[in-house]
Amino acid sequence: MKDALIKALLEMGRLIVLAVIPVAIPMVEAAKIDWKLILIVAVVTLLRGIDKYLHELAPEGEAGGLVRF
């Protein structure tokens, strides 16, 4: 269970680098930050992290993640 949590947190960190930073750079350059857009990207990142956690907890050979709900 601890390994699943670590993998989920790593997935969220990877997605933050891949999604939030490229979206935020043009906003910072324009000196106008759209907090709604940043929040949407952060929520998607959180959901992907939860999905990764649930996927890692699934028994071997079964579909895991948010697909099961």
PDB file of N, CA and C in Angstrom:
ATOM      1  N   MET A   1       0.823  -1.187   0.000  1.00  0.00           N
ATOM      2  CA  MET A   1       0.000   0.000   0.000  1.00  0.00           C
ATOM      3  C   MET A   1       0.870   1.255   0.000  1.00  0.00           C
ATOM      4  N   LYS A   2       1.978   1.210   0.708  1.00  0.00           N
ATOM      5  CA  LYS A   2       2.883   2.356   0.747  1.00  0.00           C
ATOM      6  C   LYS A   2       3.501   2.595  -0.632  1.00  0.00           C
ATOM      7  N   ASP A   3       3.847   1.504  -1.330  1.00  0.00           N
ATOM      8  CA  ASP A   3       4.408   1.647  -2.671  1.00  0.00           C
ATOM      9  C   ASP A   3       3.402   2.262  -3.630  1.00  0.00           C
ATOM     10  N   ALA A   4       2.125   1.889  -3.477  1.00  0.00           N
ATOM     11  CA  ALA A   4       1.080   2.447  -4.339  1.00  0.00           C
ATOM     12  C   ALA A   4       0.952   3.948  -4.117  1.00  0.00           C
ATOM     13  N   LEU A   5       1.028   4.375  -2.874  1.00  0.00           N
ATOM     14  CA  LEU A   5       0.938   5.800  -2.565  1.00  0.00           C
ATOM     15  C   LEU A   5       2.132   6.558  -3.134  1.00  0.00           C
ATOM     16  N   ILE A   6       3.293   5.992  -3.021  1.00  0.00           N
ATOM     17  CA  ILE A   6       4.501   6.627  -3.561  1.00  0.00           C
ATOM     18  C   ILE A   6       4.407   6.758  -5.072  1.00  0.00           C
ATOM     19  N   LYS A   7       3.945   5.684  -5.737  1.00  0.00           N
ATOM     20  CA  LYS A   7       3.802   5.735  -7.193  1.00  0.00           C
ATOM     21  C   LYS A   7       2.764   6.772  -7.608  1.00  0.00           C
ATOM     22  N   ALA A   8       1.679   6.891  -6.849  1.00  0.00           N
ATOM     23  CA  ALA A   8       0.649   7.880  -7.161  1.00  0.00           C
ATOM     24  C   ALA A   8       1.186   9.296  -6.984  1.00  0.00           C
ATOM     25  N   LEU A   9       1.950   9.522  -5.930  1.00  0.00           N
ATOM     26  CA  LEU A   9       2.524  10.855  -5.710  1.00  0.00           C
ATOM     27  C   LEU A   9       3.543  11.198  -6.789  1.00  0.00           C
ATOM     28  N   LEU A  10       4.315  10.216  -7.223  1.00  0.00           N
ATOM     29  CA  LEU A  10       5.255  10.450  -8.318  1.00  0.00           C
ATOM     30  C   LEU A  10       4.520  10.775  -9.613  1.00  0.00           C
ATOM     31  N   GLU A  11       3.403  10.097  -9.851  1.00  0.00           N
ATOM     32  CA  GLU A  11       2.591  10.385 -11.032  1.00  0.00           C
ATOM     33  C   GLU A  11       2.063  11.815 -10.982  1.00  0.00           C
ATOM     34  N   MET A  12       1.584  12.254  -9.822  1.00  0.00           N
ATOM     35  CA  MET A  12       1.094  13.621  -9.696  1.00  0.00           C
ATOM     36  C   MET A  12       2.216  14.627  -9.918  1.00  0.00           C
ATOM     37  N   GLY A  13       3.384  14.356  -9.375  1.00  0.00           N
ATOM     38  CA  GLY A  13       4.522  15.255  -9.583  1.00  0.00           C
ATOM     39  C   GLY A  13       4.920  15.349 -11.043  1.00  0.00           C
ATOM     40  N   ARG A  14       4.908  14.215 -11.718  1.00  0.00           N
ATOM     41  CA  ARG A  14       5.246  14.192 -13.145  1.00  0.00           C
ATOM     42  C   ARG A  14       4.223  14.993 -13.945  1.00  0.00           C
ATOM     43  N   LEU A  15       2.958  14.833 -13.600  1.00  0.00           N
ATOM     44  CA  LEU A  15       1.920  15.560 -14.316  1.00  0.00           C
ATOM     45  C   LEU A  15       1.952  17.058 -14.038  1.00  0.00           C
ATOM     46  N   ILE A  16       2.362  17.438 -12.834  1.00  0.00           N
ATOM     47  CA  ILE A  16       2.488  18.863 -12.534  1.00  0.00           C
ATOM     48  C   ILE A  16       3.532  19.489 -13.448  1.00  0.00           C
ATOM     49  N   VAL A  17       4.649  18.800 -13.610  1.00  0.00           N
ATOM     50  CA  VAL A  17       5.698  19.319 -14.487  1.00  0.00           C
ATOM     51  C   VAL A  17       5.215  19.368 -15.931  1.00  0.00           C
ATOM     52  N   LEU A  18       4.504  18.323 -16.362  1.00  0.00           N
ATOM     53  CA  LEU A  18       4.074  18.254 -17.755  1.00  0.00           C
ATOM     54  C   LEU A  18       2.871  19.130 -18.078  1.00  0.00           C
ATOM     55  N   ALA A  19       2.041  19.452 -17.088  1.00  0.00           N
ATOM     56  CA  ALA A  19       0.799  20.164 -17.379  1.00  0.00           C
ATOM     57  C   ALA A  19       0.741  21.571 -16.787  1.00  0.00           C
ATOM     58  N   VAL A  20       0.981  21.706 -15.516  1.00  0.00           N
ATOM     59  CA  VAL A  20       0.786  23.002 -14.860  1.00  0.00           C
ATOM     60  C   VAL A  20       1.844  24.016 -15.279  1.00  0.00           C
ATOM     61  N   ILE A  21       3.084  23.622 -15.294  1.00  0.00           N
ATOM     62  CA  ILE A  21       4.151  24.578 -15.604  1.00  0.00           C
ATOM     63  C   ILE A  21       4.024  25.153 -17.013  1.00  0.00           C
ATOM     64  N   PRO A  22       3.832  24.329 -18.059  1.00  0.00           N
ATOM     65  CA  PRO A  22       3.680  24.935 -19.391  1.00  0.00           C
ATOM     66  C   PRO A  22       2.452  25.839 -19.526  1.00  0.00           C
ATOM     67  N   VAL A  23       1.401  25.562 -18.759  1.00  0.00           N
ATOM     68  CA  VAL A  23       0.218  26.416 -18.793  1.00  0.00           C
ATOM     69  C   VAL A  23       0.496  27.722 -18.051  1.00  0.00           C
ATOM     70  N   ALA A  24       1.277  27.648 -16.995  1.00  0.00           N
ATOM     71  CA  ALA A  24       1.515  28.821 -16.159  1.00  0.00           C
ATOM     72  C   ALA A  24       2.552  29.776 -16.750  1.00  0.00           C
ATOM     73  N   ILE A  25       3.494  29.297 -17.526  1.00  0.00           N
ATOM     74  CA  ILE A  25       4.566  30.155 -18.050  1.00  0.00           C
ATOM     75  C   ILE A  25       4.022  31.323 -18.884  1.00  0.00           C
ATOM     76  N   PRO A  26       3.131  31.086 -19.850  1.00  0.00           N
ATOM     77  CA  PRO A  26       2.611  32.247 -20.600  1.00  0.00           C
ATOM     78  C   PRO A  26       1.819  33.221 -19.724  1.00  0.00           C
ATOM     79  N   MET A  27       1.159  32.686 -18.702  1.00  0.00           N
ATOM     80  CA  MET A  27       0.411  33.557 -17.799  1.00  0.00           C
ATOM     81  C   MET A  27       1.351  34.469 -17.014  1.00  0.00           C
ATOM     82  N   VAL A  28       2.448  33.923 -16.574  1.00  0.00           N
ATOM     83  CA  VAL A  28       3.421  34.722 -15.818  1.00  0.00           C
ATOM     84  C   VAL A  28       4.051  35.767 -16.732  1.00  0.00           C
ATOM     85  N   GLU A  29       4.359  35.385 -17.972  1.00  0.00           N
ATOM     86  CA  GLU A  29       4.936  36.339 -18.916  1.00  0.00           C
ATOM     87  C   GLU A  29       3.979  37.497 -19.208  1.00  0.00           C
ATOM     88  N   ALA A  30       2.686  37.190 -19.277  1.00  0.00           N
ATOM     89  CA  ALA A  30       1.693  38.224 -19.551  1.00  0.00           C
ATOM     90  C   ALA A  30       1.277  38.962 -18.282  1.00  0.00           C
ATOM     91  N   ALA A  31       1.790  38.546 -17.141  1.00  0.00           N
ATOM     92  CA  ALA A  31       1.464  39.137 -15.842  1.00  0.00           C
ATOM     93  C   ALA A  31      -0.028  39.068 -15.537  1.00  0.00           C
ATOM     94  N   LYS A  32      -0.666  38.033 -16.044  1.00  0.00           N
ATOM     95  CA  LYS A  32      -2.083  37.827 -15.776  1.00  0.00           C
ATOM     96  C   LYS A  32      -2.311  36.321 -15.588  1.00  0.00           C
ATOM     97  N   ILE A  33      -2.585  35.942 -14.364  1.00  0.00           N
ATOM     98  CA  ILE A  33      -2.736  34.525 -14.054  1.00  0.00           C
ATOM     99  C   ILE A  33      -4.217  34.175 -14.003  1.00  0.00           C
ATOM    100  N   ASP A  34      -4.598  33.181 -14.780  1.00  0.00           N
ATOM    101  CA  ASP A  34      -5.966  32.684 -14.798  1.00  0.00           C
ATOM    102  C   ASP A  34      -6.052  31.528 -13.799  1.00  0.00           C
ATOM    103  N   TRP A  35      -6.511  31.837 -12.589  1.00  0.00           N
ATOM    104  CA  TRP A  35      -6.529  30.836 -11.518  1.00  0.00           C
ATOM    105  C   TRP A  35      -7.504  29.704 -11.811  1.00  0.00           C
ATOM    106  N   LYS A  36      -8.550  29.988 -12.568  1.00  0.00           N
ATOM    107  CA  LYS A  36      -9.504  28.926 -12.909  1.00  0.00           C
ATOM    108  C   LYS A  36      -8.841  27.853 -13.769  1.00  0.00           C
ATOM    109  N   LEU A  37      -8.054  28.285 -14.737  1.00  0.00           N
ATOM    110  CA  LEU A  37      -7.361  27.332 -15.602  1.00  0.00           C
ATOM    111  C   LEU A  37      -6.347  26.518 -14.802  1.00  0.00           C
ATOM    112  N   ILE A  38      -5.608  27.173 -13.929  1.00  0.00           N
ATOM    113  CA  ILE A  38      -4.639  26.458 -13.087  1.00  0.00           C
ATOM    114  C   ILE A  38      -5.362  25.460 -12.187  1.00  0.00           C
ATOM    115  N   LEU A  39      -6.511  25.852 -11.637  1.00  0.00           N
ATOM    116  CA  LEU A  39      -7.290  24.958 -10.788  1.00  0.00           C
ATOM    117  C   LEU A  39      -7.788  23.747 -11.563  1.00  0.00           C
ATOM    118  N   ILE A  40      -8.248  23.953 -12.786  1.00  0.00           N
ATOM    119  CA  ILE A  40      -8.714  22.839 -13.614  1.00  0.00           C
ATOM    120  C   ILE A  40      -7.586  21.855 -13.880  1.00  0.00           C
ATOM    121  N   VAL A  41      -6.423  22.361 -14.237  1.00  0.00           N
ATOM    122  CA  VAL A  41      -5.273  21.489 -14.491  1.00  0.00           C
ATOM    123  C   VAL A  41      -4.873  20.758 -13.211  1.00  0.00           C
ATOM    124  N   ALA A  42      -4.923  21.433 -12.075  1.00  0.00           N
ATOM    125  CA  ALA A  42      -4.574  20.806 -10.798  1.00  0.00           C
ATOM    126  C   ALA A  42      -5.569  19.704 -10.430  1.00  0.00           C
ATOM    127  N   VAL A  43      -6.858  19.922 -10.688  1.00  0.00           N
ATOM    128  CA  VAL A  43      -7.874  18.907 -10.383  1.00  0.00           C
ATOM    129  C   VAL A  43      -7.675  17.682 -11.274  1.00  0.00           C
ATOM    130  N   VAL A  44      -7.391  17.902 -12.551  1.00  0.00           N
ATOM    131  CA  VAL A  44      -7.128  16.769 -13.446  1.00  0.00           C
ATOM    132  C   VAL A  44      -5.903  16.002 -12.963  1.00  0.00           C
ATOM    133  N   THR A  45      -4.883  16.719 -12.529  1.00  0.00           N
ATOM    134  CA  THR A  45      -3.680  16.077 -11.993  1.00  0.00           C
ATOM    135  C   THR A  45      -4.015  15.257 -10.757  1.00  0.00           C
ATOM    136  N   LEU A  46      -4.834  15.800  -9.867  1.00  0.00           N
ATOM    137  CA  LEU A  46      -5.246  15.081  -8.670  1.00  0.00           C
ATOM    138  C   LEU A  46      -6.017  13.813  -9.031  1.00  0.00           C
ATOM    139  N   LEU A  47      -6.939  13.918  -9.978  1.00  0.00           N
ATOM    140  CA  LEU A  47      -7.701  12.733 -10.392  1.00  0.00           C
ATOM    141  C   LEU A  47      -6.805  11.665 -11.005  1.00  0.00           C
ATOM    142  N   ARG A  48      -5.816  12.093 -11.777  1.00  0.00           N
ATOM    143  CA  ARG A  48      -4.879  11.116 -12.350  1.00  0.00           C
ATOM    144  C   ARG A  48      -4.064  10.435 -11.251  1.00  0.00           C
ATOM    145  N   GLY A  49      -3.697  11.193 -10.218  1.00  0.00           N
ATOM    146  CA  GLY A  49      -2.975  10.600  -9.090  1.00  0.00           C
ATOM    147  C   GLY A  49      -3.829   9.597  -8.339  1.00  0.00           C
ATOM    148  N   ILE A  50      -5.100   9.922  -8.129  1.00  0.00           N
ATOM    149  CA  ILE A  50      -6.022   8.993  -7.468  1.00  0.00           C
ATOM    150  C   ILE A  50      -6.203   7.740  -8.326  1.00  0.00           C
ATOM    151  N   ASP A  51      -6.329   7.939  -9.638  1.00  0.00           N
ATOM    152  CA  ASP A  51      -6.467   6.810 -10.547  1.00  0.00           C
ATOM    153  C   ASP A  51      -5.249   5.896 -10.479  1.00  0.00           C
ATOM    154  N   LYS A  52      -4.083   6.488 -10.442  1.00  0.00           N
ATOM    155  CA  LYS A  52      -2.843   5.697 -10.352  1.00  0.00           C
ATOM    156  C   LYS A  52      -2.806   4.920  -9.045  1.00  0.00           C
ATOM    157  N   TYR A  53      -3.208   5.550  -7.946  1.00  0.00           N
ATOM    158  CA  TYR A  53      -3.232   4.889  -6.643  1.00  0.00           C
ATOM    159  C   TYR A  53      -4.184   3.692  -6.659  1.00  0.00           C
ATOM    160  N   LEU A  54      -5.397   3.906  -7.173  1.00  0.00           N
ATOM    161  CA  LEU A  54      -6.369   2.815  -7.232  1.00  0.00           C
ATOM    162  C   LEU A  54      -5.913   1.712  -8.175  1.00  0.00           C
ATOM    163  N   HIS A  55      -5.246   2.079  -9.249  1.00  0.00           N
ATOM    164  CA  HIS A  55      -4.717   1.095 -10.188  1.00  0.00           C
ATOM    165  C   HIS A  55      -3.654   0.226  -9.525  1.00  0.00           C
ATOM    166  N   GLU A  56      -2.808   0.854  -8.735  1.00  0.00           N
ATOM    167  CA  GLU A  56      -1.753   0.104  -8.054  1.00  0.00           C
ATOM    168  C   GLU A  56      -2.313  -0.816  -6.969  1.00  0.00           C
ATOM    169  N   LEU A  57      -3.457  -0.469  -6.377  1.00  0.00           N
ATOM    170  CA  LEU A  57      -4.062  -1.304  -5.334  1.00  0.00           C
ATOM    171  C   LEU A  57      -4.853  -2.486  -5.891  1.00  0.00           C
ATOM    172  N   ALA A  58      -5.189  -2.438  -7.175  1.00  0.00           N
ATOM    173  CA  ALA A  58      -6.003  -3.502  -7.775  1.00  0.00           C
ATOM    174  C   ALA A  58      -5.232  -4.823  -7.770  1.00  0.00           C
ATOM    175  N   PRO A  59      -5.935  -5.914  -7.536  1.00  0.00           N
ATOM    176  CA  PRO A  59      -5.275  -7.233  -7.589  1.00  0.00           C
ATOM    177  C   PRO A  59      -4.704  -7.508  -8.971  1.00  0.00           C
ATOM    178  N   GLU A  60      -3.709  -8.343  -9.017  1.00  0.00           N
ATOM    179  CA  GLU A  60      -3.051  -8.698 -10.276  1.00  0.00           C
ATOM    180  C   GLU A  60      -4.063  -9.306 -11.243  1.00  0.00           C
ATOM    181  N   GLY A  61      -4.081  -8.815 -12.468  1.00  0.00           N
ATOM    182  CA  GLY A  61      -4.970  -9.342 -13.488  1.00  0.00           C
ATOM    183  C   GLY A  61      -6.321  -8.666 -13.570  1.00  0.00           C
ATOM    184  N   GLU A  62      -6.607  -7.719 -12.685  1.00  0.00           N
ATOM    185  CA  GLU A  62      -7.878  -6.992 -12.713  1.00  0.00           C
ATOM    186  C   GLU A  62      -7.630  -5.549 -13.124  1.00  0.00           C
ATOM    187  N   ALA A  63      -8.641  -4.977 -13.767  1.00  0.00           N
ATOM    188  CA  ALA A  63      -8.552  -3.558 -14.114  1.00  0.00           C
ATOM    189  C   ALA A  63      -8.662  -2.737 -12.840  1.00  0.00           C
ATOM    190  N   GLY A  64      -7.817  -1.767 -12.721  1.00  0.00           N
ATOM    191  CA  GLY A  64      -7.849  -0.906 -11.531  1.00  0.00           C
ATOM    192  C   GLY A  64      -8.118   0.521 -11.909  1.00  0.00           C
ATOM    193  N   GLY A  65      -8.107   1.383 -10.962  1.00  0.00           N
ATOM    194  CA  GLY A  65      -8.291   2.799 -11.211  1.00  0.00           C
ATOM    195  C   GLY A  65      -9.745   3.203 -11.186  1.00  0.00           C
ATOM    196  N   LEU A  66     -10.000   4.360 -11.753  1.00  0.00           N
ATOM    197  CA  LEU A  66     -11.350   4.911 -11.751  1.00  0.00           C
ATOM    198  C   LEU A  66     -12.279   4.183 -12.709  1.00  0.00           C
ATOM    199  N   VAL A  67     -11.738   3.274 -13.537  1.00  0.00           N
ATOM    200  CA  VAL A  67     -12.536   2.500 -14.480  1.00  0.00           C
ATOM    201  C   VAL A  67     -13.564   1.632 -13.757  1.00  0.00           C
ATOM    202  N   ARG A  68     -13.233   1.207 -12.571  1.00  0.00           N
ATOM    203  CA  ARG A  68     -14.086   0.275 -11.834  1.00  0.00           C
ATOM    204  C   ARG A  68     -15.327   0.946 -11.257  1.00  0.00           C
ATOM    205  N   PHE A  69     -15.352   2.255 -11.189  1.00  0.00           N
ATOM    206  CA  PHE A  69     -16.490   2.934 -10.569  1.00  0.00           C
ATOM    207  C   PHE A  69     -17.539   3.186 -11.568  1.00  0.00           C
TER     208      PHE A  69
END
